[in-house]
């Protein structure tokens, strides 16, 4: 399976007002669950909207965070659109893992 995983408020908690990605704190239990999916042969793609509105390139910083947090993944994408709600027949909440 190919599994896309959001970053902020999914595998980490990130302060808002204003959003400060430099202060993100990993949710280790969730990262462990995603790593098990990776180890099980699934393709893991971390997909974030970081910088989508501001135009700031957060790729290198985000990659460094994922690597420091021990997140296993095949790809990091920073092209997720910004939205308020997402409906899809294949989506799941992280708590459903």
N, C-alpha and C. Protein backbone atom coordinates (compact mmCIF):
# COMPACT_ATOMS: atom_id res chain seq x y z
N UNK A 1 0.82 -1.18 0.00
CA UNK A 1 0.00 0.00 0.00
C UNK A 1 0.87 1.25 0.00
N UNK A 2 0.35 2.30 -0.60
CA UNK A 2 0.98 3.62 -0.54
C UNK A 2 0.18 4.42 0.46
N UNK A 3 0.85 4.89 1.51
CA UNK A 3 0.18 5.60 2.60
C UNK A 3 0.74 7.01 2.71
N UNK A 4 -0.14 8.00 2.54
CA UNK A 4 0.23 9.40 2.73
C UNK A 4 -0.10 9.79 4.16
N UNK A 5 0.84 10.44 4.83
CA UNK A 5 0.69 10.82 6.23
C UNK A 5 0.96 12.31 6.38
N UNK A 6 0.03 13.01 7.01
CA UNK A 6 0.22 14.43 7.33
C UNK A 6 1.25 14.53 8.46
N UNK A 7 1.79 15.70 8.68
CA UNK A 7 2.81 15.88 9.72
C UNK A 7 2.25 16.63 10.93
N UNK A 8 1.91 17.90 10.78
CA UNK A 8 1.50 18.72 11.92
C UNK A 8 0.13 18.30 12.44
N UNK A 9 0.07 18.11 13.74
CA UNK A 9 -1.13 17.65 14.46
C UNK A 9 -1.49 16.21 14.10
N UNK A 10 -0.55 15.51 13.45
CA UNK A 10 -0.73 14.08 13.16
C UNK A 10 0.42 13.30 13.80
N UNK A 11 1.66 13.57 13.38
CA UNK A 11 2.80 12.90 14.01
C UNK A 11 3.56 13.83 14.95
N UNK A 12 3.12 15.08 15.03
CA UNK A 12 3.74 16.03 15.97
C UNK A 12 2.73 17.10 16.34
N UNK A 13 3.01 17.78 17.43
CA UNK A 13 2.22 18.93 17.85
C UNK A 13 3.03 20.18 17.53
N UNK A 14 2.39 21.12 16.84
CA UNK A 14 3.07 22.33 16.41
C UNK A 14 2.30 23.54 16.91
N UNK A 15 2.98 24.45 17.64
CA UNK A 15 2.30 25.64 18.13
C UNK A 15 1.70 26.46 16.99
N UNK A 16 0.55 27.06 17.26
CA UNK A 16 -0.07 27.93 16.25
C UNK A 16 -0.25 29.32 16.84
N UNK A 17 -0.64 30.23 15.98
CA UNK A 17 -0.85 31.65 16.36
C UNK A 17 0.41 32.32 16.87
N UNK A 18 1.45 32.49 16.13
CA UNK A 18 1.61 31.99 14.76
C UNK A 18 2.15 30.56 14.76
N UNK A 19 2.00 29.89 13.63
CA UNK A 19 2.51 28.54 13.44
C UNK A 19 4.03 28.58 13.52
N UNK A 20 4.62 27.74 14.37
CA UNK A 20 6.08 27.74 14.53
C UNK A 20 6.60 26.32 14.40
N UNK A 21 7.02 25.95 13.19
CA UNK A 21 7.49 24.60 12.91
C UNK A 21 8.79 24.27 13.62
N UNK A 22 9.54 25.29 14.05
CA UNK A 22 10.79 25.04 14.76
C UNK A 22 10.54 24.50 16.16
N UNK A 23 9.30 24.60 16.65
CA UNK A 23 8.96 24.15 18.00
C UNK A 23 8.06 22.91 18.00
N UNK A 24 8.00 22.22 16.87
CA UNK A 24 7.18 21.01 16.78
C UNK A 24 7.72 19.94 17.72
N UNK A 25 6.81 19.23 18.39
CA UNK A 25 7.16 18.16 19.32
C UNK A 25 6.59 16.86 18.77
N UNK A 26 7.45 15.85 18.58
CA UNK A 26 6.97 14.60 17.97
C UNK A 26 6.00 13.84 18.88
N UNK A 27 5.05 13.16 18.26
CA UNK A 27 4.17 12.20 18.93
C UNK A 27 4.80 10.83 18.69
N UNK A 28 5.65 10.43 19.61
CA UNK A 28 6.47 9.24 19.41
C UNK A 28 5.65 7.98 19.19
N UNK A 29 4.51 7.85 19.89
CA UNK A 29 3.70 6.64 19.74
C UNK A 29 3.10 6.55 18.33
N UNK A 30 2.80 7.68 17.73
CA UNK A 30 2.26 7.69 16.37
C UNK A 30 3.37 7.39 15.37
N UNK A 31 4.53 7.98 15.56
CA UNK A 31 5.67 7.70 14.67
C UNK A 31 6.01 6.22 14.71
N UNK A 32 5.95 5.60 15.88
CA UNK A 32 6.21 4.17 16.01
C UNK A 32 5.19 3.37 15.18
N UNK A 33 3.93 3.76 15.22
CA UNK A 33 2.90 3.07 14.43
C UNK A 33 3.16 3.21 12.93
N UNK A 34 3.52 4.41 12.51
CA UNK A 34 3.82 4.63 11.08
C UNK A 34 5.06 3.83 10.68
N UNK A 35 6.08 3.79 11.55
CA UNK A 35 7.28 3.01 11.26
C UNK A 35 6.96 1.53 11.10
N UNK A 36 6.01 1.01 11.87
CA UNK A 36 5.60 -0.39 11.73
C UNK A 36 4.95 -0.63 10.36
N UNK A 37 4.19 0.34 9.89
CA UNK A 37 3.61 0.23 8.55
C UNK A 37 4.72 0.21 7.49
N UNK A 38 5.75 1.05 7.67
CA UNK A 38 6.91 1.07 6.79
C UNK A 38 7.60 -0.30 6.81
N UNK A 39 7.86 -0.80 8.03
CA UNK A 39 8.53 -2.09 8.18
C UNK A 39 7.71 -3.24 7.59
N UNK A 40 6.40 -3.05 7.53
CA UNK A 40 5.52 -4.06 6.96
C UNK A 40 5.47 -4.04 5.44
N UNK A 41 6.28 -3.19 4.82
CA UNK A 41 6.37 -3.17 3.37
C UNK A 41 5.52 -2.11 2.69
N UNK A 42 4.90 -1.25 3.46
CA UNK A 42 4.10 -0.17 2.88
C UNK A 42 5.00 1.00 2.50
N UNK A 43 4.60 1.72 1.46
CA UNK A 43 5.32 2.93 1.06
C UNK A 43 4.75 4.10 1.85
N UNK A 44 5.61 4.78 2.60
CA UNK A 44 5.19 5.90 3.44
C UNK A 44 5.64 7.21 2.78
N UNK A 45 4.66 8.09 2.57
CA UNK A 45 4.93 9.42 2.02
C UNK A 45 4.42 10.44 3.02
N UNK A 46 5.32 11.22 3.59
CA UNK A 46 4.89 12.32 4.45
C UNK A 46 4.54 13.48 3.55
N UNK A 47 3.33 14.04 3.76
CA UNK A 47 2.76 15.05 2.88
C UNK A 47 2.31 16.22 3.73
N UNK A 48 2.93 17.38 3.54
CA UNK A 48 2.64 18.53 4.38
C UNK A 48 2.33 19.78 3.56
N UNK A 49 1.59 20.67 4.17
CA UNK A 49 1.29 21.97 3.56
C UNK A 49 2.21 23.06 4.12
N UNK A 50 3.24 22.67 4.85
CA UNK A 50 4.16 23.66 5.41
C UNK A 50 4.68 24.57 4.30
N UNK A 51 4.49 25.86 4.48
CA UNK A 51 4.94 26.85 3.51
C UNK A 51 3.97 27.09 2.38
N UNK A 52 2.88 26.35 2.34
CA UNK A 52 1.92 26.49 1.25
C UNK A 52 1.31 27.87 1.16
N UNK A 53 1.06 28.48 2.28
CA UNK A 53 0.48 29.84 2.27
C UNK A 53 1.56 30.92 2.32
N UNK A 54 2.64 30.66 3.07
CA UNK A 54 3.67 31.68 3.25
C UNK A 54 4.68 31.73 2.11
N UNK A 55 4.82 30.62 1.38
CA UNK A 55 5.83 30.55 0.33
C UNK A 55 7.22 30.22 0.85
N UNK A 56 7.34 30.01 2.15
CA UNK A 56 8.63 29.65 2.75
C UNK A 56 8.90 28.17 2.49
N UNK A 57 10.13 27.86 2.09
CA UNK A 57 10.51 26.48 1.82
C UNK A 57 10.93 25.79 3.12
N UNK A 58 10.07 24.92 3.64
CA UNK A 58 10.32 24.20 4.89
C UNK A 58 10.85 22.79 4.67
N UNK A 59 11.17 22.43 3.43
CA UNK A 59 11.55 21.05 3.12
C UNK A 59 12.75 20.57 3.95
N UNK A 60 13.86 21.29 3.90
CA UNK A 60 15.07 20.83 4.59
C UNK A 60 14.85 20.73 6.09
N UNK A 61 14.19 21.71 6.67
CA UNK A 61 13.91 21.69 8.11
C UNK A 61 13.01 20.50 8.46
N UNK A 62 11.99 20.27 7.66
CA UNK A 62 11.06 19.17 7.92
C UNK A 62 11.75 17.83 7.78
N UNK A 63 12.59 17.67 6.76
CA UNK A 63 13.34 16.43 6.58
C UNK A 63 14.24 16.17 7.78
N UNK A 64 14.90 17.21 8.24
CA UNK A 64 15.77 17.07 9.42
C UNK A 64 14.96 16.65 10.65
N UNK A 65 13.77 17.24 10.83
CA UNK A 65 12.92 16.84 11.95
C UNK A 65 12.54 15.37 11.84
N UNK A 66 12.04 14.95 10.69
CA UNK A 66 11.64 13.55 10.51
C UNK A 66 12.80 12.61 10.81
N UNK A 67 13.98 12.93 10.30
CA UNK A 67 15.15 12.09 10.53
C UNK A 67 15.53 12.07 12.02
N UNK A 68 15.50 13.23 12.68
CA UNK A 68 15.82 13.29 14.11
C UNK A 68 14.80 12.55 14.96
N UNK A 69 13.55 12.54 14.53
CA UNK A 69 12.49 11.85 15.27
C UNK A 69 12.47 10.34 14.99
N UNK A 70 13.33 9.88 14.09
CA UNK A 70 13.38 8.45 13.78
C UNK A 70 12.25 7.98 12.88
N UNK A 71 11.63 8.90 12.15
CA UNK A 71 10.54 8.54 11.25
C UNK A 71 11.11 7.83 10.02
N UNK A 72 10.49 6.70 9.68
CA UNK A 72 10.88 5.96 8.48
C UNK A 72 9.92 6.33 7.37
N UNK A 73 10.47 6.62 6.20
CA UNK A 73 9.62 7.04 5.09
C UNK A 73 10.37 6.88 3.78
N UNK A 74 9.62 6.88 2.70
CA UNK A 74 10.19 6.79 1.37
C UNK A 74 10.29 8.15 0.69
N UNK A 75 9.37 9.05 1.07
CA UNK A 75 9.32 10.33 0.37
C UNK A 75 8.72 11.40 1.30
N UNK A 76 9.20 12.62 1.15
CA UNK A 76 8.64 13.78 1.83
C UNK A 76 8.17 14.74 0.75
N UNK A 77 6.91 15.13 0.83
CA UNK A 77 6.34 16.08 -0.13
C UNK A 77 5.80 17.29 0.62
N UNK A 78 6.12 18.47 0.13
CA UNK A 78 5.67 19.72 0.74
C UNK A 78 4.72 20.46 -0.19
N UNK A 79 3.91 19.72 -0.93
CA UNK A 79 3.01 20.34 -1.90
C UNK A 79 1.53 20.10 -1.57
N UNK A 80 1.25 19.75 -0.33
CA UNK A 80 -0.13 19.53 0.07
C UNK A 80 -0.87 20.86 0.07
N UNK A 81 -2.07 20.90 -0.51
CA UNK A 81 -2.81 22.17 -0.51
C UNK A 81 -3.31 22.51 0.89
N UNK A 82 -3.51 23.78 1.13
CA UNK A 82 -4.09 24.23 2.39
C UNK A 82 -5.61 24.15 2.27
N UNK A 83 -6.27 23.59 3.28
CA UNK A 83 -7.72 23.45 3.24
C UNK A 83 -8.27 23.41 4.66
N UNK A 84 -9.56 23.53 4.80
CA UNK A 84 -10.19 23.46 6.11
C UNK A 84 -10.75 22.08 6.41
N UNK A 85 -11.23 21.38 5.41
CA UNK A 85 -11.76 20.04 5.62
C UNK A 85 -11.53 19.24 4.35
N UNK A 86 -11.27 17.95 4.51
CA UNK A 86 -10.94 17.09 3.38
C UNK A 86 -11.83 15.86 3.46
N UNK A 87 -12.63 15.64 2.45
CA UNK A 87 -13.46 14.45 2.38
C UNK A 87 -12.90 13.51 1.32
N UNK A 88 -12.79 12.26 1.67
CA UNK A 88 -12.28 11.28 0.73
C UNK A 88 -12.72 9.91 1.21
N UNK A 89 -12.98 9.02 0.28
CA UNK A 89 -13.46 7.69 0.66
C UNK A 89 -12.37 6.81 1.26
N UNK A 90 -11.11 7.23 1.17
CA UNK A 90 -10.02 6.41 1.69
C UNK A 90 -9.32 7.01 2.90
N UNK A 91 -9.82 8.10 3.46
CA UNK A 91 -9.13 8.74 4.57
C UNK A 91 -9.43 8.05 5.90
N UNK A 92 -8.47 8.17 6.82
CA UNK A 92 -8.62 7.68 8.19
C UNK A 92 -7.99 8.68 9.13
N UNK A 93 -8.52 8.73 10.31
CA UNK A 93 -7.90 9.54 11.36
C UNK A 93 -6.73 8.74 11.93
N UNK A 94 -5.70 9.44 12.38
CA UNK A 94 -4.52 8.77 12.91
C UNK A 94 -4.88 7.86 14.09
N UNK A 95 -5.92 8.22 14.83
CA UNK A 95 -6.35 7.41 15.98
C UNK A 95 -6.91 6.06 15.54
N UNK A 96 -7.22 5.89 14.28
CA UNK A 96 -7.76 4.63 13.77
C UNK A 96 -6.66 3.62 13.44
N UNK A 97 -5.41 4.03 13.54
CA UNK A 97 -4.29 3.11 13.24
C UNK A 97 -4.24 2.00 14.25
